[in-house]
Amino acid sequence: MKNIVLLLLAIVMGMSVAISQENKGPELKWNLERYDYGTVYLDDMPETKMDIKFTNEGNEPLVLSHVRACCGTRVHSWPREPIMPGDEGKISIEFRLAPRAQRISRTVTVTSNAEPTTSIFRIVGEVAER
């Protein structure tokens, strides 16, 4: 009888450890999956400064170790301090749009202690003549 009780206790403890490890660590979640400018016209160019917001949906502090942007996009600021679980952070960027018809395709890549370690935010759209 003692062996059965010990076996059941060990099984229950093992299952509780397995369940508690499912949601482990920080998790970077973008507030928007991507930003879509849609079609913008040469005579009405939009503001190209923006704040990209994200939330730590994990259960441990999120630490951004590196933020980089592509092709003429400049990262002005990003949080250097840990983002606590449930808290929001923002990355401030700016980019240029040449005054000509073109596709808008920019990326901001974040390296952090979340899983996966790299997360990409995309900015898309199109510049056209009226």
N, C-alpha and C. Protein backbone atom coordinates (compact mmCIF):
# COMPACT_ATOMS: atom_id res chain seq x y z
N MET A 1 0.82 -1.20 0.00
CA MET A 1 0.00 0.00 0.00
C MET A 1 0.86 1.26 0.00
N LYS A 2 1.94 1.26 0.82
CA LYS A 2 2.84 2.42 0.85
C LYS A 2 3.46 2.66 -0.52
N ASN A 3 3.83 1.59 -1.21
CA ASN A 3 4.45 1.72 -2.53
C ASN A 3 3.51 2.38 -3.53
N ILE A 4 2.24 2.03 -3.47
CA ILE A 4 1.25 2.60 -4.39
C ILE A 4 1.08 4.10 -4.11
N VAL A 5 0.99 4.47 -2.83
CA VAL A 5 0.85 5.88 -2.46
C VAL A 5 2.08 6.66 -2.91
N LEU A 6 3.28 6.13 -2.70
CA LEU A 6 4.51 6.80 -3.13
C LEU A 6 4.57 6.93 -4.64
N LEU A 7 4.14 5.89 -5.34
CA LEU A 7 4.14 5.93 -6.80
C LEU A 7 3.17 7.00 -7.30
N LEU A 8 1.98 7.08 -6.74
CA LEU A 8 1.01 8.10 -7.14
C LEU A 8 1.52 9.50 -6.83
N LEU A 9 2.14 9.67 -5.68
CA LEU A 9 2.71 10.96 -5.30
C LEU A 9 3.80 11.38 -6.28
N ALA A 10 4.66 10.45 -6.67
CA ALA A 10 5.73 10.74 -7.63
C ALA A 10 5.15 11.13 -8.99
N ILE A 11 4.09 10.46 -9.42
CA ILE A 11 3.46 10.77 -10.71
C ILE A 11 2.85 12.18 -10.68
N VAL A 12 2.14 12.50 -9.60
CA VAL A 12 1.52 13.83 -9.48
C VAL A 12 2.58 14.91 -9.46
N MET A 13 3.66 14.71 -8.73
CA MET A 13 4.74 15.71 -8.68
C MET A 13 5.40 15.86 -10.04
N GLY A 14 5.63 14.77 -10.74
CA GLY A 14 6.23 14.83 -12.07
C GLY A 14 5.36 15.58 -13.06
N MET A 15 4.05 15.37 -12.99
CA MET A 15 3.14 16.06 -13.90
C MET A 15 3.09 17.55 -13.59
N SER A 16 3.12 17.92 -12.32
CA SER A 16 3.08 19.35 -11.98
C SER A 16 4.34 20.06 -12.42
N VAL A 17 5.50 19.40 -12.36
CA VAL A 17 6.74 19.99 -12.84
C VAL A 17 6.68 20.17 -14.35
N ALA A 18 6.16 19.18 -15.06
CA ALA A 18 6.06 19.27 -16.53
C ALA A 18 5.12 20.39 -16.95
N ILE A 19 4.00 20.55 -16.25
CA ILE A 19 3.04 21.60 -16.59
C ILE A 19 3.63 22.98 -16.31
N SER A 20 4.35 23.13 -15.21
CA SER A 20 4.91 24.44 -14.87
C SER A 20 6.01 24.87 -15.83
N GLN A 21 6.64 23.94 -16.54
CA GLN A 21 7.71 24.29 -17.46
C GLN A 21 7.21 24.65 -18.85
N GLU A 22 5.91 24.47 -19.12
CA GLU A 22 5.38 24.79 -20.44
C GLU A 22 5.50 26.27 -20.77
N ASN A 23 5.14 27.16 -19.88
CA ASN A 23 5.19 28.60 -20.11
C ASN A 23 6.40 29.16 -19.37
N LYS A 24 7.57 28.93 -19.92
CA LYS A 24 8.80 29.29 -19.23
C LYS A 24 9.54 30.35 -20.04
N GLY A 25 9.99 31.38 -19.36
CA GLY A 25 10.83 32.38 -20.01
C GLY A 25 10.06 33.56 -20.56
N PRO A 26 10.81 34.53 -21.11
CA PRO A 26 10.19 35.72 -21.70
C PRO A 26 9.61 35.41 -23.08
N GLU A 27 8.65 36.23 -23.51
CA GLU A 27 8.05 36.06 -24.83
C GLU A 27 7.77 37.43 -25.43
N LEU A 28 8.42 37.75 -26.55
CA LEU A 28 8.22 39.03 -27.24
C LEU A 28 7.03 38.89 -28.19
N LYS A 29 6.01 39.71 -27.98
CA LYS A 29 4.82 39.70 -28.83
C LYS A 29 4.58 41.10 -29.36
N TRP A 30 4.63 41.27 -30.70
CA TRP A 30 4.38 42.57 -31.32
C TRP A 30 2.92 42.94 -31.13
N ASN A 31 2.63 44.23 -30.88
CA ASN A 31 1.25 44.69 -30.76
C ASN A 31 0.54 44.62 -32.11
N LEU A 32 1.28 44.85 -33.20
CA LEU A 32 0.80 44.64 -34.57
C LEU A 32 1.72 43.62 -35.21
N GLU A 33 1.19 42.72 -36.02
CA GLU A 33 2.04 41.74 -36.71
C GLU A 33 3.00 42.44 -37.68
N ARG A 34 2.50 43.47 -38.36
CA ARG A 34 3.30 44.29 -39.27
C ARG A 34 2.56 45.60 -39.48
N TYR A 35 3.28 46.61 -39.99
CA TYR A 35 2.63 47.88 -40.28
C TYR A 35 2.50 48.01 -41.79
N ASP A 36 1.28 48.21 -42.27
CA ASP A 36 1.02 48.31 -43.71
C ASP A 36 0.57 49.73 -44.03
N TYR A 37 1.42 50.47 -44.77
CA TYR A 37 1.06 51.82 -45.21
C TYR A 37 -0.02 51.79 -46.27
N GLY A 38 -0.20 50.66 -46.93
CA GLY A 38 -1.13 50.61 -48.06
C GLY A 38 -0.51 51.37 -49.22
N THR A 39 -1.33 52.04 -50.03
CA THR A 39 -0.83 52.86 -51.13
C THR A 39 -0.78 54.31 -50.69
N VAL A 40 0.41 54.91 -50.79
CA VAL A 40 0.56 56.33 -50.52
C VAL A 40 0.97 57.01 -51.81
N TYR A 41 0.64 58.29 -51.94
CA TYR A 41 0.90 58.99 -53.19
C TYR A 41 2.03 60.00 -53.02
N LEU A 42 2.74 60.24 -54.11
CA LEU A 42 3.91 61.12 -54.08
C LEU A 42 3.57 62.51 -53.56
N ASP A 43 2.36 63.01 -53.84
CA ASP A 43 1.99 64.35 -53.39
C ASP A 43 1.46 64.36 -51.95
N ASP A 44 1.44 63.22 -51.31
CA ASP A 44 0.94 63.12 -49.92
C ASP A 44 1.76 62.08 -49.15
N MET A 45 3.06 62.32 -49.06
CA MET A 45 3.96 61.36 -48.40
C MET A 45 3.69 61.34 -46.89
N PRO A 46 3.64 60.16 -46.27
CA PRO A 46 3.34 60.06 -44.84
C PRO A 46 4.56 60.33 -43.96
N GLU A 47 4.28 60.51 -42.69
CA GLU A 47 5.34 60.60 -41.67
C GLU A 47 6.04 59.24 -41.61
N THR A 48 7.35 59.26 -41.60
CA THR A 48 8.07 57.99 -41.58
C THR A 48 8.83 57.79 -40.28
N LYS A 49 8.32 58.40 -39.22
CA LYS A 49 8.80 58.12 -37.87
C LYS A 49 7.72 57.29 -37.21
N MET A 50 8.11 56.28 -36.47
CA MET A 50 7.10 55.48 -35.78
C MET A 50 7.68 54.80 -34.55
N ASP A 51 6.78 54.47 -33.65
CA ASP A 51 7.12 53.68 -32.48
C ASP A 51 6.51 52.29 -32.67
N ILE A 52 7.36 51.29 -32.62
CA ILE A 52 6.90 49.91 -32.73
C ILE A 52 6.75 49.38 -31.31
N LYS A 53 5.53 48.99 -30.96
CA LYS A 53 5.26 48.56 -29.59
C LYS A 53 5.19 47.03 -29.50
N PHE A 54 5.64 46.54 -28.37
CA PHE A 54 5.62 45.09 -28.11
C PHE A 54 5.35 44.86 -26.63
N THR A 55 5.00 43.63 -26.30
CA THR A 55 4.69 43.25 -24.93
C THR A 55 5.46 41.99 -24.57
N ASN A 56 5.90 41.90 -23.33
CA ASN A 56 6.50 40.67 -22.82
C ASN A 56 5.37 39.81 -22.28
N GLU A 57 4.98 38.78 -23.04
CA GLU A 57 3.89 37.90 -22.63
C GLU A 57 4.40 36.66 -21.91
N GLY A 58 5.68 36.64 -21.57
CA GLY A 58 6.24 35.51 -20.84
C GLY A 58 6.12 35.69 -19.34
N ASN A 59 6.85 34.85 -18.61
CA ASN A 59 6.80 34.93 -17.15
C ASN A 59 8.16 35.28 -16.54
N GLU A 60 9.10 35.74 -17.37
CA GLU A 60 10.41 36.20 -16.91
C GLU A 60 10.73 37.51 -17.64
N PRO A 61 11.65 38.33 -17.11
CA PRO A 61 12.00 39.59 -17.76
C PRO A 61 12.56 39.37 -19.18
N LEU A 62 12.15 40.25 -20.09
CA LEU A 62 12.61 40.22 -21.48
C LEU A 62 13.74 41.24 -21.62
N VAL A 63 14.88 40.79 -22.17
CA VAL A 63 16.02 41.67 -22.36
C VAL A 63 16.36 41.71 -23.85
N LEU A 64 16.30 42.92 -24.44
CA LEU A 64 16.69 43.09 -25.84
C LEU A 64 18.20 43.30 -25.87
N SER A 65 18.90 42.46 -26.60
CA SER A 65 20.35 42.59 -26.66
C SER A 65 20.81 43.36 -27.90
N HIS A 66 19.99 43.35 -28.96
CA HIS A 66 20.38 44.07 -30.17
C HIS A 66 19.14 44.36 -31.00
N VAL A 67 19.09 45.58 -31.57
CA VAL A 67 18.00 45.97 -32.48
C VAL A 67 18.66 46.59 -33.70
N ARG A 68 18.33 46.06 -34.88
CA ARG A 68 18.89 46.63 -36.11
C ARG A 68 17.79 46.73 -37.15
N ALA A 69 17.99 47.66 -38.07
CA ALA A 69 17.01 47.89 -39.12
C ALA A 69 17.71 47.85 -40.47
N CYS A 70 16.94 47.65 -41.51
CA CYS A 70 17.52 47.52 -42.85
C CYS A 70 17.38 48.80 -43.66
N CYS A 71 18.07 48.86 -44.74
CA CYS A 71 17.95 49.76 -45.88
C CYS A 71 17.41 51.15 -45.58
N GLY A 72 18.23 52.00 -45.03
CA GLY A 72 17.84 53.39 -44.81
C GLY A 72 16.92 53.61 -43.63
N THR A 73 16.75 52.60 -42.79
CA THR A 73 15.92 52.74 -41.59
C THR A 73 16.84 52.93 -40.40
N ARG A 74 16.53 53.91 -39.59
CA ARG A 74 17.38 54.23 -38.44
C ARG A 74 16.63 53.93 -37.14
N VAL A 75 17.27 53.23 -36.23
CA VAL A 75 16.71 52.96 -34.92
C VAL A 75 17.15 54.09 -34.00
N HIS A 76 16.18 54.88 -33.52
CA HIS A 76 16.50 56.00 -32.62
C HIS A 76 16.69 55.52 -31.19
N SER A 77 15.78 54.67 -30.73
CA SER A 77 15.89 54.20 -29.34
C SER A 77 15.17 52.87 -29.18
N TRP A 78 15.63 52.13 -28.18
CA TRP A 78 15.00 50.88 -27.79
C TRP A 78 15.33 50.62 -26.33
N PRO A 79 14.48 49.88 -25.62
CA PRO A 79 14.67 49.70 -24.18
C PRO A 79 15.93 48.91 -23.85
N ARG A 80 16.76 49.49 -23.02
CA ARG A 80 17.99 48.81 -22.58
C ARG A 80 17.76 48.06 -21.27
N GLU A 81 16.72 48.45 -20.54
CA GLU A 81 16.43 47.79 -19.27
C GLU A 81 15.46 46.63 -19.52
N PRO A 82 15.44 45.64 -18.65
CA PRO A 82 14.54 44.49 -18.83
C PRO A 82 13.07 44.92 -18.84
N ILE A 83 12.29 44.28 -19.69
CA ILE A 83 10.85 44.49 -19.76
C ILE A 83 10.22 43.38 -18.92
N MET A 84 9.54 43.76 -17.86
CA MET A 84 8.97 42.78 -16.94
C MET A 84 7.75 42.10 -17.57
N PRO A 85 7.40 40.90 -17.11
CA PRO A 85 6.23 40.19 -17.65
C PRO A 85 4.98 41.06 -17.62
N GLY A 86 4.28 41.11 -18.75
CA GLY A 86 3.06 41.92 -18.88
C GLY A 86 3.30 43.37 -19.25
N ASP A 87 4.55 43.82 -19.20
CA ASP A 87 4.84 45.22 -19.52
C ASP A 87 5.08 45.40 -21.02
N GLU A 88 4.95 46.66 -21.46
CA GLU A 88 5.11 47.02 -22.86
C GLU A 88 6.40 47.80 -23.06
N GLY A 89 7.01 47.63 -24.22
CA GLY A 89 8.19 48.40 -24.60
C GLY A 89 7.96 48.99 -25.98
N LYS A 90 8.85 49.90 -26.39
CA LYS A 90 8.72 50.47 -27.73
C LYS A 90 10.09 50.71 -28.33
N ILE A 91 10.14 50.57 -29.64
CA ILE A 91 11.33 50.83 -30.43
C ILE A 91 10.98 52.00 -31.35
N SER A 92 11.75 53.08 -31.29
CA SER A 92 11.50 54.25 -32.12
C SER A 92 12.39 54.19 -33.35
N ILE A 93 11.78 54.31 -34.53
CA ILE A 93 12.53 54.25 -35.78
C ILE A 93 12.14 55.41 -36.68
N GLU A 94 12.97 55.60 -37.71
CA GLU A 94 12.68 56.58 -38.76
C GLU A 94 13.31 56.05 -40.04
N PHE A 95 12.64 56.28 -41.16
CA PHE A 95 13.22 55.88 -42.45
C PHE A 95 12.83 56.88 -43.52
N ARG A 96 13.55 56.80 -44.62
CA ARG A 96 13.32 57.70 -45.76
C ARG A 96 12.51 56.98 -46.82
N LEU A 97 11.65 57.75 -47.47
CA LEU A 97 10.97 57.26 -48.66
C LEU A 97 11.37 58.19 -49.80
N ALA A 98 12.00 57.62 -50.81
CA ALA A 98 12.39 58.43 -51.97
C ALA A 98 11.13 58.88 -52.70
N PRO A 99 11.13 60.11 -53.24
CA PRO A 99 9.95 60.62 -53.93
C PRO A 99 9.81 60.03 -55.34
N ARG A 100 9.59 58.75 -55.39
CA ARG A 100 9.38 58.04 -56.66
C ARG A 100 8.51 56.82 -56.38
N ALA A 101 7.90 56.30 -57.42
CA ALA A 101 7.08 55.10 -57.27
C ALA A 101 7.97 53.94 -56.83
N GLN A 102 7.52 53.21 -55.80
CA GLN A 102 8.32 52.11 -55.26
C GLN A 102 7.49 51.28 -54.29
N ARG A 103 7.96 50.10 -53.99
CA ARG A 103 7.37 49.27 -52.93
C ARG A 103 8.06 49.61 -51.62
N ILE A 104 7.30 49.68 -50.56
CA ILE A 104 7.87 49.90 -49.23
C ILE A 104 8.07 48.53 -48.59
N SER A 105 9.30 48.24 -48.23
CA SER A 105 9.60 46.97 -47.58
C SER A 105 10.78 47.19 -46.63
N ARG A 106 10.46 47.34 -45.36
CA ARG A 106 11.48 47.57 -44.33
C ARG A 106 11.33 46.50 -43.26
N THR A 107 12.43 46.22 -42.58
CA THR A 107 12.38 45.29 -41.46
C THR A 107 13.16 45.84 -40.28
N VAL A 108 12.69 45.51 -39.09
CA VAL A 108 13.39 45.80 -37.85
C VAL A 108 13.58 44.45 -37.16
N THR A 109 14.84 44.09 -36.92
CA THR A 109 15.16 42.78 -36.34
C THR A 109 15.61 42.96 -34.90
N VAL A 110 14.98 42.21 -34.01
CA VAL A 110 15.27 42.29 -32.58
C VAL A 110 15.86 40.96 -32.12
N THR A 111 17.00 41.05 -31.43
CA THR A 111 17.60 39.88 -30.80
C THR A 111 17.39 40.02 -29.29
N SER A 112 16.88 38.96 -28.66
CA SER A 112 16.54 39.04 -27.24
C SER A 112 16.77 37.69 -26.57
N ASN A 113 16.40 37.62 -25.30
CA ASN A 113 16.51 36.36 -24.57
C ASN A 113 15.23 35.53 -24.67
N ALA A 114 14.29 35.93 -25.53
CA ALA A 114 13.06 35.17 -25.74
C ALA A 114 13.34 34.01 -26.69
N GLU A 115 12.37 33.13 -26.80
CA GLU A 115 12.48 32.01 -27.73
C GLU A 115 11.42 32.17 -28.78
N PRO A 116 11.70 32.32 -30.06
CA PRO A 116 13.02 32.31 -30.68
C PRO A 116 13.78 33.59 -30.35
N THR A 117 15.09 33.54 -30.47
CA THR A 117 15.93 34.67 -30.05
C THR A 117 15.85 35.85 -31.01
N THR A 118 15.39 35.63 -32.24
CA THR A 118 15.28 36.71 -33.22
C THR A 118 13.82 36.89 -33.62
N SER A 119 13.37 38.14 -33.62
CA SER A 119 12.01 38.46 -34.03
C SER A 119 12.07 39.62 -35.01
N ILE A 120 11.28 39.54 -36.09
CA ILE A 120 11.32 40.56 -37.15
C ILE A 120 9.97 41.25 -37.25
N PHE A 121 10.02 42.60 -37.27
CA PHE A 121 8.84 43.43 -37.51
C PHE A 121 8.94 43.97 -38.93
N ARG A 122 7.88 43.87 -39.70
CA ARG A 122 7.90 44.29 -41.10
C ARG A 122 7.03 45.53 -41.32
N ILE A 123 7.52 46.40 -42.22
CA ILE A 123 6.79 47.58 -42.64
C ILE A 123 6.65 47.47 -44.16
N VAL A 124 5.42 47.51 -44.65
CA VAL A 124 5.17 47.31 -46.07
C VAL A 124 4.26 48.39 -46.61
N GLY A 125 4.16 48.46 -47.92
CA GLY A 125 3.27 49.41 -48.58
C GLY A 125 3.77 49.70 -49.98
N GLU A 126 3.21 50.75 -50.57
CA GLU A 126 3.58 51.11 -51.94
C GLU A 126 3.44 52.62 -52.11
N VAL A 127 4.44 53.21 -52.77
CA VAL A 127 4.38 54.62 -53.13
C VAL A 127 4.03 54.67 -54.63
N ALA A 128 3.03 55.47 -54.97
CA ALA A 128 2.57 55.53 -56.37
C ALA A 128 2.30 56.97 -56.77
N GLU A 129 2.26 57.19 -58.07
CA GLU A 129 1.85 58.49 -58.60
C GLU A 129 0.33 58.51 -58.66
N ARG A 130 -0.23 59.69 -58.48
CA ARG A 130 -1.69 59.83 -58.51
C ARG A 130 -2.22 59.79 -59.91
